[in-house]
Protein backbone atom coordinates (compact mmCIF):
# COMPACT_ATOMS: atom_id res chain seq x y z
CA MET A 1 -0.09 0.12 -0.50
CA ARG A 2 1.30 3.17 -0.89
CA SER A 3 1.41 5.92 1.61
CA PRO A 4 -0.68 8.57 1.49
CA THR A 5 2.34 11.14 0.80
CA VAL A 6 3.11 9.41 -2.28
CA ILE A 7 -0.15 9.26 -3.91
CA PHE A 8 -0.69 13.07 -3.79
CA ALA A 9 2.64 13.87 -5.02
CA ALA A 10 2.22 11.11 -7.82
CA LEU A 11 -1.12 12.92 -8.94
CA ALA A 12 0.34 16.29 -8.60
CA ALA A 13 3.76 15.87 -10.91
CA ALA A 14 1.61 13.98 -13.11
CA ALA A 15 -0.75 16.93 -13.98
CA ALA A 16 2.04 19.06 -14.09
CA PRO A 17 2.65 20.60 -17.66
CA VAL A 18 4.44 18.46 -20.14
CA ALA A 19 7.50 19.76 -22.20
CA ALA A 20 6.41 17.47 -25.57
CA GLN A 21 3.66 16.51 -27.22
CA PRO A 22 2.20 13.22 -25.98
CA ILE A 23 2.92 9.80 -27.17
CA GLU A 24 0.63 9.73 -30.65
CA HIS A 25 1.08 5.49 -30.69
CA PRO A 26 0.33 4.16 -27.32
CA SER A 27 -0.24 0.91 -29.00
CA GLN A 28 3.79 0.75 -30.27
CA VAL A 29 4.27 0.85 -26.03
CA ASP A 30 2.04 -1.75 -24.82
CA SER A 31 2.61 -4.39 -28.03
CA THR A 32 5.57 -6.07 -26.75
CA PRO A 33 8.44 -5.98 -28.91
CA ALA A 34 11.56 -8.67 -29.61
CA ASP A 35 13.90 -7.16 -26.94
CA PRO A 36 10.53 -6.19 -24.28
CA SER A 37 13.07 -3.48 -22.41
CA VAL A 38 14.00 -0.01 -21.08
CA SER A 39 16.78 1.57 -19.88
CA LEU A 40 16.84 3.32 -16.73
CA GLU A 41 19.59 6.56 -15.97
CA VAL A 42 19.89 8.82 -12.89
CA VAL A 43 21.06 11.86 -12.84
CA ASN A 44 22.89 12.71 -9.78
CA THR A 45 22.64 9.01 -7.78
CA ALA A 46 24.20 10.38 -4.93
CA GLU A 47 20.09 11.92 -3.95
CA LEU A 48 18.68 8.41 -5.29
CA ASP A 49 19.66 4.69 -4.90
CA ALA A 50 19.38 3.80 -9.05
CA GLY A 51 19.82 0.31 -8.85
CA ALA A 52 16.82 0.49 -6.60
CA LEU A 53 14.32 2.20 -8.61
CA GLY A 54 15.39 0.17 -11.83
CA ALA A 55 14.34 -3.21 -9.79
CA ALA A 56 10.87 -1.42 -8.19
CA ILE A 57 10.38 -0.43 -12.03
CA SER A 58 10.83 -3.76 -13.21
CA ALA A 59 8.64 -5.03 -10.23
CA GLU A 60 6.07 -2.77 -11.38
CA LEU A 61 6.35 -3.58 -15.22
CA GLY A 62 7.35 -6.77 -14.97
CA ILE A 63 9.69 -6.12 -17.71
CA PRO A 64 13.45 -5.73 -17.84
CA VAL A 65 15.49 -2.54 -16.32
CA SER A 66 18.97 -2.08 -18.22
CA ASP A 67 21.16 0.77 -17.45
CA PRO A 68 21.55 3.70 -19.98
CA THR A 69 24.05 1.92 -22.00
CA ALA A 70 21.36 -0.03 -23.77
CA PHE A 71 21.39 1.65 -26.78
CA ALA A 72 18.09 0.69 -28.04
CA PRO A 73 15.59 -0.80 -26.06
CA GLY A 74 12.47 -2.37 -26.93
CA ARG A 75 10.27 -0.35 -24.57
CA GLY A 76 12.65 2.74 -24.75
CA ARG A 77 14.16 5.25 -22.33
CA LEU A 78 13.60 6.51 -19.29
CA SER A 79 15.45 9.39 -17.31
CA VAL A 80 15.35 10.54 -14.21
CA ALA A 81 16.96 14.07 -12.85
CA ILE A 82 17.44 15.29 -9.22
CA ILE A 83 17.27 18.91 -8.71
CA ASP A 84 16.91 20.94 -5.66
CA GLY A 85 14.64 18.49 -3.69
CA ALA A 86 12.40 17.74 -6.97
CA ALA A 87 12.44 14.94 -9.72
CA ARG A 88 12.29 15.55 -13.17
CA ILE A 89 11.02 12.27 -15.05
CA ALA A 90 11.41 11.82 -18.36
CA TYR A 91 10.21 8.97 -20.81
CA GLU A 92 11.36 8.36 -24.37
CA PRO A 93 9.35 5.25 -26.43
CA ALA A 94 10.56 3.26 -28.38
CA ALA A 95 7.79 5.15 -31.39
CA GLY A 96 6.85 8.24 -30.31
CA SER A 97 7.16 11.42 -28.69
CA LEU A 98 8.89 12.42 -25.23
CA VAL A 99 6.68 12.66 -22.31
CA GLU A 100 7.65 14.49 -19.44
CA ARG A 101 6.62 15.50 -15.24
CA LEU A 102 7.98 16.92 -12.73
CA VAL A 103 7.09 15.92 -8.91
CA VAL A 104 8.83 18.01 -5.35
CA LEU A 105 9.97 14.49 -3.66
CA PRO A 106 9.14 13.54 0.16
CA ALA A 107 12.01 13.51 2.34
CA ASP A 108 12.16 9.93 3.28
CA PRO A 109 14.68 7.82 1.02
CA ARG A 110 11.72 4.67 0.32
CA GLU A 111 9.14 6.98 -0.53
CA ARG A 112 11.00 9.27 -3.41
CA ILE A 113 11.70 5.35 -4.86
CA GLU A 114 7.76 4.35 -4.52
CA LEU A 115 6.70 7.90 -5.80
CA ILE A 116 9.10 8.15 -8.91
CA ALA A 117 8.39 4.59 -9.86
CA TYR A 118 5.06 5.33 -10.08
CA ILE A 119 4.79 8.25 -11.71
CA ALA A 120 7.31 6.31 -14.27
CA THR A 121 5.72 2.66 -14.28
CA ASN A 122 2.59 5.29 -15.40
CA LEU A 123 4.61 7.31 -18.24
CA VAL A 124 5.84 4.15 -19.88
CA ARG A 125 1.83 2.48 -19.63
CA ASP A 126 0.27 6.00 -20.72
CA GLN A 127 -1.77 5.44 -17.92
CA THR A 128 -1.68 8.45 -16.68
CA ALA A 129 -4.47 10.81 -17.82
CA ASP A 130 -6.96 7.60 -16.23
CA VAL A 131 -5.21 8.41 -12.44
CA LEU A 132 -5.88 12.52 -13.10
CA ALA A 133 -10.29 11.90 -13.98
CA GLY A 134 -11.72 14.74 -11.74
CA LEU A 135 -8.78 15.48 -9.99
CA PRO A 136 -6.69 18.56 -8.64
CA VAL A 137 -3.74 20.40 -10.25
CA ILE A 138 -0.40 20.73 -7.20
CA PRO A 139 1.84 22.68 -9.25
CA PRO A 140 5.54 21.51 -8.31
CA ARG A 141 8.35 23.45 -7.78
CA GLU A 142 10.16 25.56 -11.19
CA THR A 143 13.70 23.06 -11.84
CA PRO A 144 14.90 23.67 -15.30
CA PRO A 145 14.14 21.35 -17.90
CA VAL A 146 15.21 17.96 -19.34
CA ARG A 147 16.03 18.43 -22.68
CA GLY A 148 15.11 15.11 -25.18
CA PRO A 149 16.19 14.66 -28.44
CA ARG A 150 14.35 16.00 -31.47
CA ARG A 151 10.99 14.52 -32.61
CA ALA A 152 11.89 10.95 -34.88
CA PRO A 153 11.59 12.76 -38.63
CA LYS A 154 7.89 12.17 -40.24
CA GLN A 155 9.38 11.11 -43.95
CA ARG A 156 11.55 9.52 -45.24
CA MET A 157 13.46 9.33 -48.23
CA ALA A 158 15.99 6.69 -50.17
CA ALA A 159 18.87 9.83 -50.66
CA THR A 160 19.20 13.56 -51.17
CA ILE A 161 21.87 15.88 -52.86
CA GLY A 162 22.32 19.29 -52.20
CA LEU A 163 24.54 22.40 -51.22
CA VAL A 164 23.35 23.99 -48.22
CA PRO A 165 20.28 23.03 -46.36
CA PRO A 166 17.61 25.45 -48.23
CA LEU A 167 19.23 23.98 -50.98
CA ALA A 168 18.99 20.58 -51.20
CA VAL A 169 16.67 18.10 -52.67
CA ASP A 170 15.35 16.31 -49.43
CA ARG A 171 14.01 19.81 -48.57
CA VAL A 172 10.79 19.07 -51.24
CA ALA A 173 9.94 16.75 -48.70
CA GLY A 174 9.82 18.84 -45.94
CA ALA A 175 11.68 20.38 -42.54
CA HIS A 176 11.89 16.65 -41.31
CA VAL A 177 13.22 14.35 -43.12
CA GLU A 178 14.93 10.75 -42.20
CA VAL A 179 17.37 9.80 -45.56
CA GLY A 180 19.18 6.83 -45.93
CA PHE A 181 22.35 8.55 -47.78
CA GLY A 182 23.22 11.83 -47.69
CA LEU A 183 25.41 13.57 -49.81
CA HIS A 184 26.42 17.99 -49.37
CA ALA A 185 29.21 20.32 -51.07
CA LEU A 186 28.84 22.38 -47.72
CA VAL A 187 26.07 22.15 -45.27
CA GLY A 188 23.91 18.72 -44.54
CA MET A 189 20.86 19.30 -42.22
CA THR A 190 18.34 17.12 -41.84
CA ASP A 191 16.74 14.84 -39.50
CA ALA A 192 18.11 11.60 -39.56
CA SER A 193 20.71 9.29 -41.76
CA THR A 194 20.46 5.63 -41.46
CA VAL A 195 23.23 4.67 -44.43
CA MET A 196 25.81 7.65 -44.87
CA SER A 197 25.76 11.01 -44.68
CA ILE A 198 28.73 12.84 -45.64
CA SER A 199 29.08 16.91 -46.64
CA GLY A 200 32.42 19.20 -47.17
CA LEU A 201 31.87 21.36 -44.14
CA ALA A 202 29.43 19.94 -41.23
CA ASP A 203 26.73 17.46 -41.91
CA ILE A 204 23.97 17.75 -39.03
CA GLN A 205 21.54 15.00 -37.73
CA HIS A 206 19.06 16.17 -35.23
CA HIS A 207 17.44 13.60 -34.16
CA HIS A 208 19.72 10.02 -35.13
CA ALA A 209 22.97 9.16 -37.44
CA TYR A 210 22.82 5.66 -38.52
CA GLY A 211 25.56 4.06 -40.93
CA ALA A 212 28.00 6.64 -41.03
CA GLN A 213 28.82 10.28 -40.64
CA ILE A 214 31.51 12.66 -41.83
CA GLY A 215 32.11 16.18 -42.25
CA GLY A 216 35.03 17.89 -43.44
CA VAL A 217 34.55 20.27 -40.44
CA ALA A 218 31.96 18.95 -38.26
CA ALA A 219 29.86 15.96 -37.90
CA ILE A 220 27.29 16.35 -35.44
CA ALA A 221 23.85 14.07 -34.45
CA GLY A 222 20.87 14.01 -31.25
CA ARG A 223 22.34 10.31 -31.11
CA ALA A 224 24.30 7.81 -32.97
CA ASN A 225 25.04 4.39 -34.34
CA ALA A 226 27.60 5.31 -35.96
CA VAL A 227 31.23 5.90 -37.55
CA GLN A 228 31.01 9.51 -36.93
CA ILE A 229 34.06 11.81 -38.36
CA GLY A 230 34.23 15.29 -38.29
CA GLY A 231 38.00 17.02 -39.31
CA VAL A 232 37.24 19.97 -35.97
CA PHE A 233 34.59 17.97 -33.93
CA ALA A 234 32.34 14.65 -34.04
CA GLY A 235 29.77 14.59 -31.67
CA THR A 236 26.23 14.32 -30.15
CA ALA A 237 24.02 15.69 -27.57
CA HIS A 238 22.80 12.14 -26.41
CA ASP A 239 24.24 8.69 -26.83
CA PHE A 240 26.60 7.74 -28.97
CA ARG A 241 27.72 4.23 -30.17
CA GLY A 242 30.51 2.98 -32.47
CA VAL A 243 33.55 5.08 -33.29
CA GLN A 244 33.74 8.44 -32.90
CA ILE A 245 36.93 10.84 -34.59
CA GLY A 246 36.92 14.59 -33.65
CA GLY A 247 40.41 16.05 -35.30
CA VAL A 248 40.36 18.37 -32.62
CA ALA A 249 37.27 17.35 -30.24
CA ALA A 250 35.03 13.91 -30.12
CA ALA A 251 32.07 14.90 -27.52
CA SER A 252 29.11 12.92 -26.41
CA GLY A 253 26.11 14.50 -24.17
CA ARG A 254 25.95 11.61 -22.79
CA ASN A 255 27.14 7.84 -23.02
CA VAL A 256 29.46 6.12 -25.53
CA ALA A 257 29.71 2.55 -26.15
CA GLY A 258 32.63 2.24 -28.79
CA LEU A 259 36.14 4.27 -29.50
CA GLN A 260 35.66 7.82 -28.61
CA ILE A 261 39.46 9.91 -30.21
CA GLY A 262 39.59 13.21 -29.81
CA GLY A 263 42.84 15.08 -31.92
CA VAL A 264 43.14 17.43 -28.59
CA ALA A 265 40.31 15.94 -25.88
CA SER A 266 38.15 13.65 -25.62
CA VAL A 267 34.35 13.74 -23.77
CA ALA A 268 31.70 11.85 -22.33
CA LYS A 269 28.99 13.45 -19.68
CA GLY A 270 27.62 9.97 -19.16
CA ASN A 271 29.19 6.46 -18.91
CA VAL A 272 31.97 5.19 -21.54
CA TYR A 273 32.17 1.67 -22.47
CA GLY A 274 35.21 1.53 -24.15
CA ALA A 275 37.72 3.49 -24.92
CA GLN A 276 38.48 7.06 -25.20
CA ILE A 277 41.60 8.36 -26.78
CA ALA A 278 43.04 12.02 -27.11
CA GLY A 279 45.92 13.69 -28.04
CA VAL A 280 46.06 15.95 -24.95
CA ALA A 281 42.57 15.22 -22.26
CA ASN A 282 40.26 12.49 -22.16
CA VAL A 283 37.44 13.50 -19.67
CA ALA A 284 34.27 11.24 -18.31
CA ASP A 285 31.63 10.68 -15.27
CA ARG A 286 31.68 6.77 -15.01
CA VAL A 287 34.71 5.13 -17.37
CA HIS A 288 34.80 0.94 -18.35
CA GLY A 289 37.18 0.60 -20.13
CA ALA A 290 40.38 2.62 -20.94
CA GLN A 291 41.10 6.18 -20.86
CA ILE A 292 44.33 6.93 -22.61
CA GLY A 293 46.14 10.63 -23.63
CA LEU A 294 48.79 13.24 -21.63
CA VAL A 295 45.57 13.77 -19.17
CA ASN A 296 42.41 11.45 -18.06
CA VAL A 297 39.76 12.57 -16.16
CA ALA A 298 37.30 10.51 -14.82
CA GLY A 299 34.28 10.21 -12.09
CA LYS A 300 34.54 6.98 -11.00
CA MET A 301 36.85 5.01 -13.10
CA ARG A 302 36.73 0.69 -13.77
CA GLY A 303 39.60 -0.06 -15.68
CA LEU A 304 43.25 1.31 -17.64
CA GLN A 305 44.41 5.14 -17.58
CA VAL A 306 47.38 5.28 -19.22
CA GLY A 307 48.99 9.51 -19.39
CA LEU A 308 51.26 11.60 -17.47
CA ILE A 309 48.48 12.53 -14.74
CA ASN A 310 45.00 10.31 -14.47
CA ILE A 311 42.53 11.51 -12.07
CA THR A 312 39.69 9.88 -10.35
CA GLU A 313 37.19 10.60 -8.11
CA ASP A 314 37.00 6.57 -7.22
CA GLY A 315 39.66 4.54 -8.73
CA ASP A 316 39.02 1.38 -6.29
CA ASP A 317 38.88 -0.45 -9.72
CA ALA A 318 41.59 2.20 -11.92
CA TYR A 319 44.50 1.11 -12.98
CA PRO A 320 46.35 4.11 -13.79
CA ILE A 321 49.96 3.39 -15.27
CA GLY A 322 51.41 7.16 -14.92
CA LEU A 323 53.98 10.21 -13.96
CA VAL A 324 51.29 11.03 -11.00
CA ASN A 325 48.34 9.10 -10.48
CA TYR A 326 45.45 10.60 -8.02
CA ALA A 327 42.34 9.21 -6.44
CA LYS A 328 40.09 10.90 -3.86
CA ASN A 329 39.31 7.80 -2.32
CA GLY A 330 42.62 6.05 -2.99
CA ARG A 331 45.84 5.06 -0.81
CA VAL A 332 48.45 8.08 0.59
CA ALA A 333 51.55 6.39 2.78
CA VAL A 334 55.02 7.56 3.79
CA GLU A 335 57.46 5.05 4.79
CA ALA A 336 61.73 4.95 5.04
CA SER A 337 63.44 2.09 4.20
CA ALA A 338 66.86 0.49 3.94
CA ASP A 339 68.56 -2.07 1.61
CA THR A 340 71.42 -4.10 0.94
CA THR A 341 72.47 -2.35 -1.30
CA ARG A 342 73.68 0.29 1.56
CA VAL A 343 71.00 2.57 0.22
CA SER A 344 68.52 4.38 2.86
CA SER A 345 65.12 6.18 1.92
CA ILE A 346 62.40 8.14 2.98
CA ALA A 347 59.53 8.01 0.31
CA LEU A 348 55.47 8.83 0.19
CA ARG A 349 53.44 6.74 -2.06
CA HIS A 350 49.77 7.26 -3.85
CA GLY A 351 47.40 6.51 -5.62
CA THR A 352 44.12 3.79 -5.94
CA ARG A 353 43.79 1.08 -4.87
CA HIS A 354 45.60 -0.99 -6.59
CA VAL A 355 48.12 1.66 -8.51
CA HIS A 356 50.12 3.80 -6.68
CA ASN A 357 53.45 5.90 -7.47
CA VAL A 358 56.80 5.90 -5.37
CA TRP A 359 58.57 8.89 -4.86
CA SER A 360 62.14 9.21 -2.97
CA LEU A 361 64.67 10.30 -1.58
CA GLY A 362 67.49 8.10 -0.73
CA TRP A 363 71.10 8.32 0.80
CA SER A 364 74.54 6.22 0.48
CA PRO A 365 77.98 6.06 2.17
CA ASP A 366 78.85 5.13 -1.59
CA HIS A 367 78.04 8.67 -2.52
CA ASP A 368 78.41 12.30 -1.96
CA HIS A 369 74.71 13.68 -2.96
CA VAL A 370 71.06 12.84 -2.48
CA LEU A 371 69.73 10.27 -4.87
CA PRO A 372 66.33 10.82 -5.99
CA GLY A 373 64.34 8.18 -7.07
CA VAL A 374 60.67 7.44 -8.92
CA GLY A 375 58.43 4.26 -8.80
CA LEU A 376 55.42 2.49 -10.53
CA GLY A 377 54.06 -0.32 -8.25
CA PHE A 378 51.02 -2.62 -8.10
CA HIS A 379 49.37 -3.53 -4.10
CA ALA A 380 47.05 -6.43 -3.66
CA GLY A 381 45.86 -6.83 -0.19
CA LEU A 382 45.84 -10.58 1.59
CA SER A 383 44.02 -12.29 4.15
CA GLY A 384 44.75 -11.31 7.71
CA GLY A 385 45.09 -8.04 6.81
CA LEU A 386 48.80 -8.61 4.81
CA GLY A 387 50.15 -7.04 1.56
CA LEU A 388 51.23 -7.78 -1.24
CA ASP A 389 53.59 -4.69 -3.03
CA VAL A 390 55.68 -5.02 -6.55
CA ASP A 391 57.44 -1.85 -7.24
CA ALA A 392 59.82 -0.43 -10.35
CA MET A 393 61.91 1.76 -9.37
CA ALA A 394 64.28 4.13 -10.13
CA TRP A 395 67.20 6.05 -8.83
CA TRP A 396 69.66 8.78 -10.66
CA THR A 397 73.27 8.10 -8.81
CA ASP A 398 75.08 10.91 -10.41
CA VAL A 399 72.79 13.21 -12.31
CA TRP A 400 73.77 16.20 -10.38
CA ASN A 401 77.55 15.43 -11.75
CA GLY A 402 75.79 15.31 -15.12
CA ASN A 403 77.21 11.62 -15.79
CA LEU A 404 74.87 8.72 -17.15
CA GLY A 405 74.83 6.72 -13.66
CA GLN A 406 71.38 4.76 -12.21
CA LEU A 407 69.98 1.74 -9.96
CA ASN A 408 67.14 -0.02 -11.35
CA GLN A 409 64.91 -1.69 -8.78
CA LEU A 410 61.97 -4.61 -9.12
CA ARG A 411 61.14 -4.89 -5.86
CA ALA A 412 58.66 -7.22 -3.80
CA SER A 413 57.59 -6.85 -0.59
CA VAL A 414 55.03 -8.54 2.12
CA SER A 415 53.25 -5.82 4.51
CA VAL A 416 52.32 -6.78 8.68
CA PRO A 417 50.24 -4.43 10.49
CA VAL A 418 51.58 -4.13 13.87
CA GLY A 419 49.77 -1.51 15.78
CA GLY A 420 49.25 1.99 14.09
CA VAL A 421 51.64 1.24 10.74
CA GLU A 422 52.69 -1.69 9.26
CA VAL A 423 56.27 -2.70 8.87
CA PHE A 424 57.16 -4.49 5.90
CA GLY A 425 60.39 -6.55 3.94
CA GLY A 426 61.05 -8.53 0.28
CA ALA A 427 63.72 -8.85 -2.12
CA ALA A 428 64.52 -6.98 -5.13
CA ALA A 429 66.62 -7.04 -8.35
CA ASN A 430 69.26 -4.54 -9.14
CA VAL A 431 70.82 -3.04 -12.76
CA TYR A 432 72.72 -0.75 -12.19
CA VAL A 433 74.18 1.39 -15.33
CA SER A 434 76.93 4.38 -15.40
CA ASP A 435 79.58 5.26 -17.66
CA GLU A 436 81.90 6.22 -14.01
CA MET A 437 82.05 2.96 -12.56
CA ASP A 438 84.63 2.68 -9.71
CA GLU A 439 84.72 0.86 -6.08
CA SER A 440 83.19 3.61 -4.44
CA ALA A 441 80.25 3.63 -6.37
CA ASN A 442 79.12 0.09 -7.28
CA PHE A 443 76.87 -0.34 -4.36
CA HIS A 444 78.81 -3.90 -3.00
CA PRO A 445 77.01 -6.33 -4.94
CA VAL A 446 76.29 -9.85 -3.82
CA ARG A 447 76.82 -12.59 -6.50
CA ALA A 448 77.34 -9.61 -9.23
CA ARG A 449 77.43 -9.97 -12.52
CA THR A 450 79.56 -7.14 -14.78
CA TRP A 451 79.37 -6.31 -18.61
CA THR A 452 81.07 -2.92 -19.74
CA SER A 453 80.19 -2.69 -23.44
CA ASP A 454 82.78 -0.75 -25.84
CA GLY A 455 81.75 2.72 -24.69
CA GLY A 456 82.52 2.07 -21.64
CA THR A 457 79.10 2.01 -19.96
CA THR A 458 79.35 -0.77 -17.12
CA VAL A 459 76.14 -2.52 -16.61
CA VAL A 460 75.90 -5.00 -12.88
CA THR A 461 73.46 -6.86 -11.79
CA TRP A 462 72.45 -8.43 -8.44
CA PRO A 463 70.16 -8.89 -5.68
CA SER A 464 69.15 -7.42 -2.51
CA VAL A 465 66.96 -7.31 0.31
CA PHE A 466 65.57 -4.95 2.10
CA ALA A 467 62.58 -3.62 5.16
CA GLY A 468 61.07 -0.42 5.88
CA VAL A 469 57.79 1.16 8.56
CA ARG A 470 54.89 2.47 6.98
CA LEU A 471 53.08 4.69 8.15
CA SER A 472 48.91 4.70 6.22
CA VAL A 473 48.15 8.80 6.37
CA ARG A 474 44.71 7.90 4.20
């Protein structure tokens, strides 16, 4: 039994003005498509449990509810945006027009889910009008509109050719036309294309682009399931699926499923299922896959980041490889250690739960100067609170003199919590490379092997052991 608060708010929300025309063919919504699911996207999940809402809607409708990356769910798409204590619920059926409702949310989280699920399922069933008969209207709080894609085109043509939008064959059929193939000398602008659309300067598909879309300067679509290429910019206002390439930038207003490549930047305001590649920066809300660029930024990262700087809000499942790896919820620790190479050091390590950077300063009686060191490591939690770390370190031994001198280490260690700190110890494989090798700078290796090139560069390898103590700051 729904609470009076939920019923009262539901009736008020359903009576609110809508931002688009009502569904034109309700029978198409009630019919059973090959894929009976409806997708659900929740904006601002901190205000609402998306999983619980999806389960509630699925139970009410008796059909699957998929995540927002589902490109063509049979019954369409639901979107819920939480703004200042109010919710805007939008439903775009697979065949029909976008409908929306506004509702002021109750404070109780369970009542919120119950209310939104009730409104959403009625939008899908198109039964709201029956519920509202004879009831008073209660206006909701004013909130910014959630804009949907332009209405699906009414006319279809196999092909079109043109110069600019007024001078094109498709304009004979009207302003809202879906074409199979389009070729435009300068600018192409139709509602949709299903096979390919090519324009010398800019190609614009207001509703959707399927197959391929190519613009000499820009390729833009409402949503796309295509290979989309823009000499400067390629972008969609909503979902994108396929391969998107922008000479300067590639962008999606919502989700990306596939590959997104930008000469300078790749941007997705929703989820990315696949990969983002950019010459400078990749930015996305959530990533399930990979980001490759100089700077990679993700709200929640699940997968691989490769770049100089990798940043994520939630990096529990992130594997960043770079000079600086930062996760807001990541690990930060300071440590001190000593090695049988006669190098003692202090270090700062930071990064995600599994991958971290190491910044270190070392000193040795064999050297007159401090030895700066950097490293990249992998961490895994073991049973009983133990931890396993595998670190690749590089120490510059003669950087102050301008000579080639580098000690490289591959280190494996196990840490044990003792009180408020961790005690760790392990073994290292050492490779020392120098063009000024002498007895005073050889780190006193045990079981060493030495190679010297014709140019005078010496390489020495040997094993060592080390131990230390670590304090976790976060």
